[in-house]
Amino acid sequence: MKAPFWEALSDADRAFLQRAGRMRSFRPGGEPLTFEGDDSTHVIIILDGWAKVISPTHTGREVVLAVRGPGDLVGEISAMFDSRRTATVRPLVPIRALSVPAVRFKAFLDENPHCWWPLMATVVDRMGELGNRLRVHAGAEGTCRLAHLLVHLAELSLRYTEPGPDGRVAILPPLSQADLGSWVDASRETAARGFGELRERGLVTTAYRRVTVLDLPGLRAFAAKCADA
């Protein structure tokens, strides 16, 4: 898992983008960072906070596709290629972000070609996440898919926080069990059963919009074993 785009830039690169853009704030229940189908006019860099990437199905149900956190780019592909947004990005907590017009972001890359590497690393990392998701979904049942997702989210959270003294990892994006269930294409009931099994095994604890991984090596081992079963 690569460092977020913003962290991979130099101080001078970050200063350049700050001059090119403007600071914005987003709050849960308010305006999304991007809205699926909109024309692309800017790139957003999350500086603080967490957001979920969602898209509706033909039945109107929202499916969680990913989360974005501090340092992550949002809307970069559609803005770079002047296409419509392919997903909605909603804040999970108050977010502070830098909004850069697409034309200025492209000029930034032209003037600083070394910054293409962090951008491409972001794209490749996300393609890898998608490939892993499709592979797990094709060959694993609900609890196993949930375990794989929680491993991914625990590793993501370790970008920003240290594990507890007993090895616990608090998952930072405050997702509901319904969000997590939709991410792994599981019903609310299937997700609830999956969490029940993982709690019984002593691998996780849960509370309202909060999941803590108690034993990350054990959760990795469980996810690997059930995927091979």
C-alpha atoms as a PDB file:
ATOM      1  CA  MET A   1       0.000   0.000   0.000  1.00  0.00           C
ATOM      2  CA  LYS A   2       1.663   3.200  -1.221  1.00  0.00           C
ATOM      3  CA  ALA A   3       1.826   6.507   0.651  1.00  0.00           C
ATOM      4  CA  PRO A   4      -1.037   8.895  -0.174  1.00  0.00           C
ATOM      5  CA  PHE A   5      -0.439  11.324  -3.031  1.00  0.00           C
ATOM      6  CA  TRP A   6      -0.108  14.404  -0.820  1.00  0.00           C
ATOM      7  CA  GLU A   7       2.468  12.753   1.448  1.00  0.00           C
ATOM      8  CA  ALA A   8       4.567  11.743  -1.561  1.00  0.00           C
ATOM      9  CA  LEU A   9       4.989  15.377  -2.675  1.00  0.00           C
ATOM     10  CA  SER A  10       7.753  17.703  -1.575  1.00  0.00           C
ATOM     11  CA  ASP A  11       7.036  20.818   0.486  1.00  0.00           C
ATOM     12  CA  ALA A  12       7.545  22.909  -2.644  1.00  0.00           C
ATOM     13  CA  ASP A  13       5.084  20.788  -4.635  1.00  0.00           C
ATOM     14  CA  ARG A  14       2.464  21.071  -1.890  1.00  0.00           C
ATOM     15  CA  ALA A  15       2.946  24.830  -1.721  1.00  0.00           C
ATOM     16  CA  PHE A  16       2.476  25.061  -5.505  1.00  0.00           C
ATOM     17  CA  LEU A  17      -0.847  23.211  -5.330  1.00  0.00           C
ATOM     18  CA  GLN A  18      -2.035  25.259  -2.367  1.00  0.00           C
ATOM     19  CA  ARG A  19      -1.489  28.422  -4.401  1.00  0.00           C
ATOM     20  CA  ALA A  20      -3.313  26.868  -7.364  1.00  0.00           C
ATOM     21  CA  GLY A  21      -6.362  25.768  -5.375  1.00  0.00           C
ATOM     22  CA  ARG A  22      -8.581  26.780  -2.497  1.00  0.00           C
ATOM     23  CA  MET A  23      -9.455  25.236   0.830  1.00  0.00           C
ATOM     24  CA  ARG A  24     -12.901  23.696   1.242  1.00  0.00           C
ATOM     25  CA  SER A  25     -14.812  22.022   4.067  1.00  0.00           C
ATOM     26  CA  PHE A  26     -17.316  19.163   3.766  1.00  0.00           C
ATOM     27  CA  ARG A  27     -19.585  17.757   6.455  1.00  0.00           C
ATOM     28  CA  PRO A  28     -21.575  14.508   6.750  1.00  0.00           C
ATOM     29  CA  GLY A  29     -25.067  14.990   5.391  1.00  0.00           C
ATOM     30  CA  GLY A  30     -23.997  17.992   3.347  1.00  0.00           C
ATOM     31  CA  GLU A  31     -22.514  18.458  -0.097  1.00  0.00           C
ATOM     32  CA  PRO A  32     -20.524  15.467  -1.397  1.00  0.00           C
ATOM     33  CA  LEU A  33     -16.956  15.915  -2.529  1.00  0.00           C
ATOM     34  CA  THR A  34     -18.002  14.642  -5.965  1.00  0.00           C
ATOM     35  CA  PHE A  35     -21.339  13.543  -7.379  1.00  0.00           C
ATOM     36  CA  GLU A  36     -21.641  10.705  -9.886  1.00  0.00           C
ATOM     37  CA  GLY A  37     -22.454  11.958 -13.389  1.00  0.00           C
ATOM     38  CA  ASP A  38     -21.278  15.525 -12.819  1.00  0.00           C
ATOM     39  CA  ASP A  39     -18.852  17.159 -15.224  1.00  0.00           C
ATOM     40  CA  SER A  40     -15.283  17.146 -13.946  1.00  0.00           C
ATOM     41  CA  THR A  41     -13.879  20.579 -13.192  1.00  0.00           C
ATOM     42  CA  HIS A  42     -11.481  20.033 -10.296  1.00  0.00           C
ATOM     43  CA  VAL A  43      -9.351  17.587  -8.340  1.00  0.00           C
ATOM     44  CA  ILE A  44      -9.794  17.328  -4.570  1.00  0.00           C
ATOM     45  CA  ILE A  45      -7.053  16.405  -2.112  1.00  0.00           C
ATOM     46  CA  ILE A  46      -8.299  15.380   1.319  1.00  0.00           C
ATOM     47  CA  LEU A  47      -6.123  16.899   4.016  1.00  0.00           C
ATOM     48  CA  ASP A  48      -8.093  15.793   7.079  1.00  0.00           C
ATOM     49  CA  GLY A  49     -11.027  13.399   7.464  1.00  0.00           C
ATOM     50  CA  TRP A  50     -12.539  10.362   5.798  1.00  0.00           C
ATOM     51  CA  ALA A  51     -14.974   9.864   2.925  1.00  0.00           C
ATOM     52  CA  LYS A  52     -16.651   6.869   1.309  1.00  0.00           C
ATOM     53  CA  VAL A  53     -16.835   6.266  -2.434  1.00  0.00           C
ATOM     54  CA  ILE A  54     -20.302   5.019  -3.378  1.00  0.00           C
ATOM     55  CA  SER A  55     -22.353   4.207  -6.451  1.00  0.00           C
ATOM     56  CA  PRO A  56     -26.022   3.204  -6.779  1.00  0.00           C
ATOM     57  CA  THR A  57     -27.139  -0.117  -8.243  1.00  0.00           C
ATOM     58  CA  HIS A  58     -30.055  -0.472 -10.657  1.00  0.00           C
ATOM     59  CA  THR A  59     -32.275  -1.121  -7.600  1.00  0.00           C
ATOM     60  CA  GLY A  60     -31.262   2.171  -6.017  1.00  0.00           C
ATOM     61  CA  ARG A  61     -29.142   0.557  -3.300  1.00  0.00           C
ATOM     62  CA  GLU A  62     -25.864   2.328  -2.632  1.00  0.00           C
ATOM     63  CA  VAL A  63     -22.729   0.211  -2.794  1.00  0.00           C
ATOM     64  CA  VAL A  64     -19.535   1.276  -1.033  1.00  0.00           C
ATOM     65  CA  LEU A  65     -16.578   0.952  -3.409  1.00  0.00           C
ATOM     66  CA  ALA A  66     -13.727   2.402  -1.357  1.00  0.00           C
ATOM     67  CA  VAL A  67     -12.755   4.915   1.301  1.00  0.00           C
ATOM     68  CA  ARG A  68     -10.487   7.936   0.969  1.00  0.00           C
ATOM     69  CA  GLY A  69      -8.554   9.523   3.800  1.00  0.00           C
ATOM     70  CA  PRO A  70      -5.914  12.127   4.608  1.00  0.00           C
ATOM     71  CA  GLY A  71      -3.592  12.752   1.673  1.00  0.00           C
ATOM     72  CA  ASP A  72      -5.774  10.988  -0.901  1.00  0.00           C
ATOM     73  CA  LEU A  73      -6.748  12.346  -4.294  1.00  0.00           C
ATOM     74  CA  VAL A  74     -10.408  12.365  -5.304  1.00  0.00           C
ATOM     75  CA  GLY A  75     -11.705  12.728  -8.850  1.00  0.00           C
ATOM     76  CA  GLU A  76      -8.306  12.732 -10.503  1.00  0.00           C
ATOM     77  CA  ILE A  77      -9.063  10.400 -13.424  1.00  0.00           C
ATOM     78  CA  SER A  78     -12.292  12.052 -14.573  1.00  0.00           C
ATOM     79  CA  ALA A  79     -10.764  15.516 -14.177  1.00  0.00           C
ATOM     80  CA  MET A  80      -7.620  14.574 -16.082  1.00  0.00           C
ATOM     81  CA  PHE A  81      -9.627  13.237 -19.034  1.00  0.00           C
ATOM     82  CA  ASP A  82     -12.531  15.733 -18.943  1.00  0.00           C
ATOM     83  CA  SER A  83     -15.079  12.991 -18.332  1.00  0.00           C
ATOM     84  CA  ARG A  84     -18.023  12.732 -15.976  1.00  0.00           C
ATOM     85  CA  ARG A  85     -17.575  11.634 -12.385  1.00  0.00           C
ATOM     86  CA  THR A  86     -17.878   7.864 -12.065  1.00  0.00           C
ATOM     87  CA  ALA A  87     -18.851   7.777  -8.371  1.00  0.00           C
ATOM     88  CA  THR A  88     -20.148   9.882  -5.505  1.00  0.00           C
ATOM     89  CA  VAL A  89     -17.782  10.637  -2.636  1.00  0.00           C
ATOM     90  CA  ARG A  90     -19.538  11.433   0.653  1.00  0.00           C
ATOM     91  CA  PRO A  91     -17.857  12.648   3.844  1.00  0.00           C
ATOM     92  CA  LEU A  92     -17.996  10.289   6.817  1.00  0.00           C
ATOM     93  CA  VAL A  93     -16.646  12.958   9.177  1.00  0.00           C
ATOM     94  CA  PRO A  94     -15.887  16.689   8.769  1.00  0.00           C
ATOM     95  CA  ILE A  95     -13.335  17.033   6.001  1.00  0.00           C
ATOM     96  CA  ARG A  96     -10.804  19.735   5.192  1.00  0.00           C
ATOM     97  CA  ALA A  97      -9.717  19.534   1.572  1.00  0.00           C
ATOM     98  CA  LEU A  98      -7.837  21.349  -1.155  1.00  0.00           C
ATOM     99  CA  SER A  99      -9.780  21.846  -4.385  1.00  0.00           C
ATOM    100  CA  VAL A 100      -7.635  22.418  -7.481  1.00  0.00           C
ATOM    101  CA  PRO A 101      -9.164  23.251 -10.887  1.00  0.00           C
ATOM    102  CA  ALA A 102      -8.378  20.503 -13.376  1.00  0.00           C
ATOM    103  CA  VAL A 103      -6.624  22.882 -15.763  1.00  0.00           C
ATOM    104  CA  ARG A 104      -4.301  24.045 -12.977  1.00  0.00           C
ATOM    105  CA  PHE A 105      -3.650  20.493 -11.826  1.00  0.00           C
ATOM    106  CA  LYS A 106      -2.654  19.525 -15.363  1.00  0.00           C
ATOM    107  CA  ALA A 107      -0.387  22.589 -15.557  1.00  0.00           C
ATOM    108  CA  PHE A 108       1.166  21.542 -12.237  1.00  0.00           C
ATOM    109  CA  LEU A 109       2.013  18.117 -13.683  1.00  0.00           C
ATOM    110  CA  ASP A 110       3.408  19.679 -16.860  1.00  0.00           C
ATOM    111  CA  GLU A 111       5.651  21.988 -14.832  1.00  0.00           C
ATOM    112  CA  ASN A 112       6.620  19.286 -12.337  1.00  0.00           C
ATOM    113  CA  PRO A 113       6.855  16.026 -14.326  1.00  0.00           C
ATOM    114  CA  HIS A 114       8.358  14.153 -11.365  1.00  0.00           C
ATOM    115  CA  CYS A 115       4.907  14.415  -9.737  1.00  0.00           C
ATOM    116  CA  TRP A 116       3.492  12.034 -12.330  1.00  0.00           C
ATOM    117  CA  TRP A 117       5.080   9.207 -10.319  1.00  0.00           C
ATOM    118  CA  PRO A 118       3.006   9.739  -7.137  1.00  0.00           C
ATOM    119  CA  LEU A 119      -0.073  10.106  -9.326  1.00  0.00           C
ATOM    120  CA  MET A 120       0.625   6.879 -11.196  1.00  0.00           C
ATOM    121  CA  ALA A 121       1.446   5.107  -7.915  1.00  0.00           C
ATOM    122  CA  THR A 122      -2.016   6.127  -6.665  1.00  0.00           C
ATOM    123  CA  VAL A 123      -3.702   4.771  -9.795  1.00  0.00           C
ATOM    124  CA  VAL A 124      -1.740   1.492  -9.707  1.00  0.00           C
ATOM    125  CA  ASP A 125      -2.457   1.025  -5.987  1.00  0.00           C
ATOM    126  CA  ARG A 126      -6.177   1.450  -6.585  1.00  0.00           C
ATOM    127  CA  MET A 127      -6.132  -0.965  -9.518  1.00  0.00           C
ATOM    128  CA  GLY A 128      -4.462  -3.508  -7.254  1.00  0.00           C
ATOM    129  CA  GLU A 129      -7.145  -3.007  -4.591  1.00  0.00           C
ATOM    130  CA  LEU A 130      -9.852  -3.533  -7.223  1.00  0.00           C
ATOM    131  CA  GLY A 131      -8.168  -6.681  -8.527  1.00  0.00           C
ATOM    132  CA  ASN A 132      -7.902  -8.134  -5.024  1.00  0.00           C
ATOM    133  CA  ARG A 133     -11.535  -7.312  -4.341  1.00  0.00           C
ATOM    134  CA  LEU A 134     -12.745  -9.027  -7.509  1.00  0.00           C
ATOM    135  CA  ARG A 135     -10.581 -12.079  -6.836  1.00  0.00           C
ATOM    136  CA  VAL A 136     -11.893 -12.471  -3.274  1.00  0.00           C
ATOM    137  CA  HIS A 137     -15.505 -11.876  -4.313  1.00  0.00           C
ATOM    138  CA  ALA A 138     -15.247 -14.535  -6.991  1.00  0.00           C
ATOM    139  CA  GLY A 139     -14.119 -17.293  -4.652  1.00  0.00           C
ATOM    140  CA  ALA A 140     -15.158 -16.572  -1.067  1.00  0.00           C
ATOM    141  CA  GLU A 141     -18.331 -16.482   1.004  1.00  0.00           C
ATOM    142  CA  GLY A 142     -19.597 -13.523   3.037  1.00  0.00           C
ATOM    143  CA  THR A 143     -17.622 -13.904   6.272  1.00  0.00           C
ATOM    144  CA  CYS A 144     -14.416 -14.508   4.342  1.00  0.00           C
ATOM    145  CA  ARG A 145     -14.973 -11.425   2.170  1.00  0.00           C
ATOM    146  CA  LEU A 146     -15.632  -9.402   5.315  1.00  0.00           C
ATOM    147  CA  ALA A 147     -12.408 -10.665   6.900  1.00  0.00           C
ATOM    148  CA  HIS A 148     -10.407  -9.660   3.823  1.00  0.00           C
ATOM    149  CA  LEU A 149     -11.996  -6.202   3.882  1.00  0.00           C
ATOM    150  CA  LEU A 150     -11.211  -5.704   7.569  1.00  0.00           C
ATOM    151  CA  VAL A 151      -7.582  -6.708   6.969  1.00  0.00           C
ATOM    152  CA  HIS A 152      -7.425  -4.096   4.189  1.00  0.00           C
ATOM    153  CA  LEU A 153      -8.991  -1.404   6.394  1.00  0.00           C
ATOM    154  CA  ALA A 154      -6.717  -2.260   9.335  1.00  0.00           C
ATOM    155  CA  GLU A 155      -3.643  -1.969   7.113  1.00  0.00           C
ATOM    156  CA  LEU A 156      -4.982   1.306   5.711  1.00  0.00           C
ATOM    157  CA  SER A 157      -5.530   2.626   9.241  1.00  0.00           C
ATOM    158  CA  LEU A 158      -1.945   1.771  10.157  1.00  0.00           C
ATOM    159  CA  ARG A 159      -0.853   4.426   7.665  1.00  0.00           C
ATOM    160  CA  TYR A 160      -2.131   6.996  10.146  1.00  0.00           C
ATOM    161  CA  THR A 161      -1.984   5.440  13.604  1.00  0.00           C
ATOM    162  CA  GLU A 162       0.105   3.060  15.657  1.00  0.00           C
ATOM    163  CA  PRO A 163      -1.363  -0.202  16.949  1.00  0.00           C
ATOM    164  CA  GLY A 164      -2.256  -0.386  20.616  1.00  0.00           C
ATOM    165  CA  PRO A 165       0.203  -1.931  23.089  1.00  0.00           C
ATOM    166  CA  ASP A 166      -1.667  -5.231  22.785  1.00  0.00           C
ATOM    167  CA  GLY A 167      -1.587  -5.096  18.973  1.00  0.00           C
ATOM    168  CA  ARG A 168      -5.128  -3.821  18.549  1.00  0.00           C
ATOM    169  CA  VAL A 169      -5.825  -1.750  15.452  1.00  0.00           C
ATOM    170  CA  ALA A 170      -8.721   0.702  15.485  1.00  0.00           C
ATOM    171  CA  ILE A 171     -10.207   0.991  11.996  1.00  0.00           C
ATOM    172  CA  LEU A 172     -10.282   4.722  11.374  1.00  0.00           C
ATOM    173  CA  PRO A 173     -12.940   5.197   8.655  1.00  0.00           C
ATOM    174  CA  PRO A 174     -16.214   5.264  10.691  1.00  0.00           C
ATOM    175  CA  LEU A 175     -18.227   2.915   8.486  1.00  0.00           C
ATOM    176  CA  SER A 176     -21.475   1.294   9.563  1.00  0.00           C
ATOM    177  CA  GLN A 177     -21.998  -2.457   9.348  1.00  0.00           C
ATOM    178  CA  ALA A 178     -24.402  -1.734   6.481  1.00  0.00           C
ATOM    179  CA  ASP A 179     -21.608   0.130   4.653  1.00  0.00           C
ATOM    180  CA  LEU A 180     -19.184  -2.733   5.222  1.00  0.00           C
ATOM    181  CA  GLY A 181     -21.785  -5.280   4.128  1.00  0.00           C
ATOM    182  CA  SER A 182     -22.463  -3.427   0.870  1.00  0.00           C
ATOM    183  CA  TRP A 183     -18.717  -3.205   0.231  1.00  0.00           C
ATOM    184  CA  VAL A 184     -18.446  -7.001   0.258  1.00  0.00           C
ATOM    185  CA  ASP A 185     -21.785  -7.522  -1.522  1.00  0.00           C
ATOM    186  CA  ALA A 186     -23.449  -9.004   1.559  1.00  0.00           C
ATOM    187  CA  SER A 187     -26.867  -8.375   3.048  1.00  0.00           C
ATOM    188  CA  ARG A 188     -27.190  -6.724   6.441  1.00  0.00           C
ATOM    189  CA  GLU A 189     -28.009 -10.141   7.927  1.00  0.00           C
ATOM    190  CA  THR A 190     -24.994 -11.822   6.313  1.00  0.00           C
ATOM    191  CA  ALA A 191     -22.711  -9.040   7.517  1.00  0.00           C
ATOM    192  CA  ALA A 192     -24.135  -9.328  11.046  1.00  0.00           C
ATOM    193  CA  ARG A 193     -23.466 -13.095  11.049  1.00  0.00           C
ATOM    194  CA  GLY A 194     -19.959 -12.499   9.758  1.00  0.00           C
ATOM    195  CA  PHE A 195     -19.187  -9.997  12.487  1.00  0.00           C
ATOM    196  CA  GLY A 196     -20.642 -12.415  15.034  1.00  0.00           C
ATOM    197  CA  GLU A 197     -18.282 -15.176  13.894  1.00  0.00           C
ATOM    198  CA  LEU A 198     -15.251 -12.871  13.912  1.00  0.00           C
ATOM    199  CA  ARG A 199     -16.133 -11.658  17.406  1.00  0.00           C
ATOM    200  CA  GLU A 200     -16.524 -15.247  18.633  1.00  0.00           C
ATOM    201  CA  ARG A 201     -13.070 -16.042  17.276  1.00  0.00           C
ATOM    202  CA  GLY A 202     -11.642 -13.111  19.234  1.00  0.00           C
ATOM    203  CA  LEU A 203     -10.524 -11.323  16.074  1.00  0.00           C
ATOM    204  CA  VAL A 204     -12.584  -8.110  16.281  1.00  0.00           C
ATOM    205  CA  THR A 205     -14.819  -6.040  18.514  1.00  0.00           C
ATOM    206  CA  THR A 206     -17.587  -3.788  17.225  1.00  0.00           C
ATOM    207  CA  ALA A 207     -19.521  -0.751  18.385  1.00  0.00           C
ATOM    208  CA  TYR A 208     -21.555   1.931  16.609  1.00  0.00           C
ATOM    209  CA  ARG A 209     -19.578   2.824  13.463  1.00  0.00           C
ATOM    210  CA  ARG A 210     -16.451   1.458  15.090  1.00  0.00           C
ATOM    211  CA  VAL A 211     -14.525  -1.747  14.486  1.00  0.00           C
ATOM    212  CA  THR A 212     -11.332  -2.720  16.299  1.00  0.00           C
ATOM    213  CA  VAL A 213      -9.172  -5.556  15.045  1.00  0.00           C
ATOM    214  CA  LEU A 214      -7.900  -7.401  18.107  1.00  0.00           C
ATOM    215  CA  ASP A 215      -5.544  -9.788  16.339  1.00  0.00           C
ATOM    216  CA  LEU A 216      -4.423  -8.632  12.898  1.00  0.00           C
ATOM    217  CA  PRO A 217      -2.104 -11.614  12.243  1.00  0.00           C
ATOM    218  CA  GLY A 218      -4.938 -13.939  13.276  1.00  0.00           C
ATOM    219  CA  LEU A 219      -7.395 -12.108  11.021  1.00  0.00           C
ATOM    220  CA  ARG A 220      -4.956 -12.331   8.089  1.00  0.00           C
ATOM    221  CA  ALA A 221      -4.548 -16.058   8.710  1.00  0.00           C
ATOM    222  CA  PHE A 222      -8.311 -16.583   8.896  1.00  0.00           C
ATOM    223  CA  ALA A 223      -8.866 -14.614   5.681  1.00  0.00           C
ATOM    224  CA  ALA A 224      -6.158 -16.572   3.843  1.00  0.00           C
ATOM    225  CA  LYS A 225      -7.436 -19.936   5.084  1.00  0.00           C
ATOM    226  CA  CYS A 226     -11.078 -19.335   4.258  1.00  0.00           C
ATOM    227  CA  ALA A 227     -10.183 -18.024   0.785  1.00  0.00           C
ATOM    228  CA  ASP A 228      -8.347 -21.290   0.070  1.00  0.00           C
ATOM    229  CA  ALA A 229     -11.132 -23.506   1.453  1.00  0.00           C
END
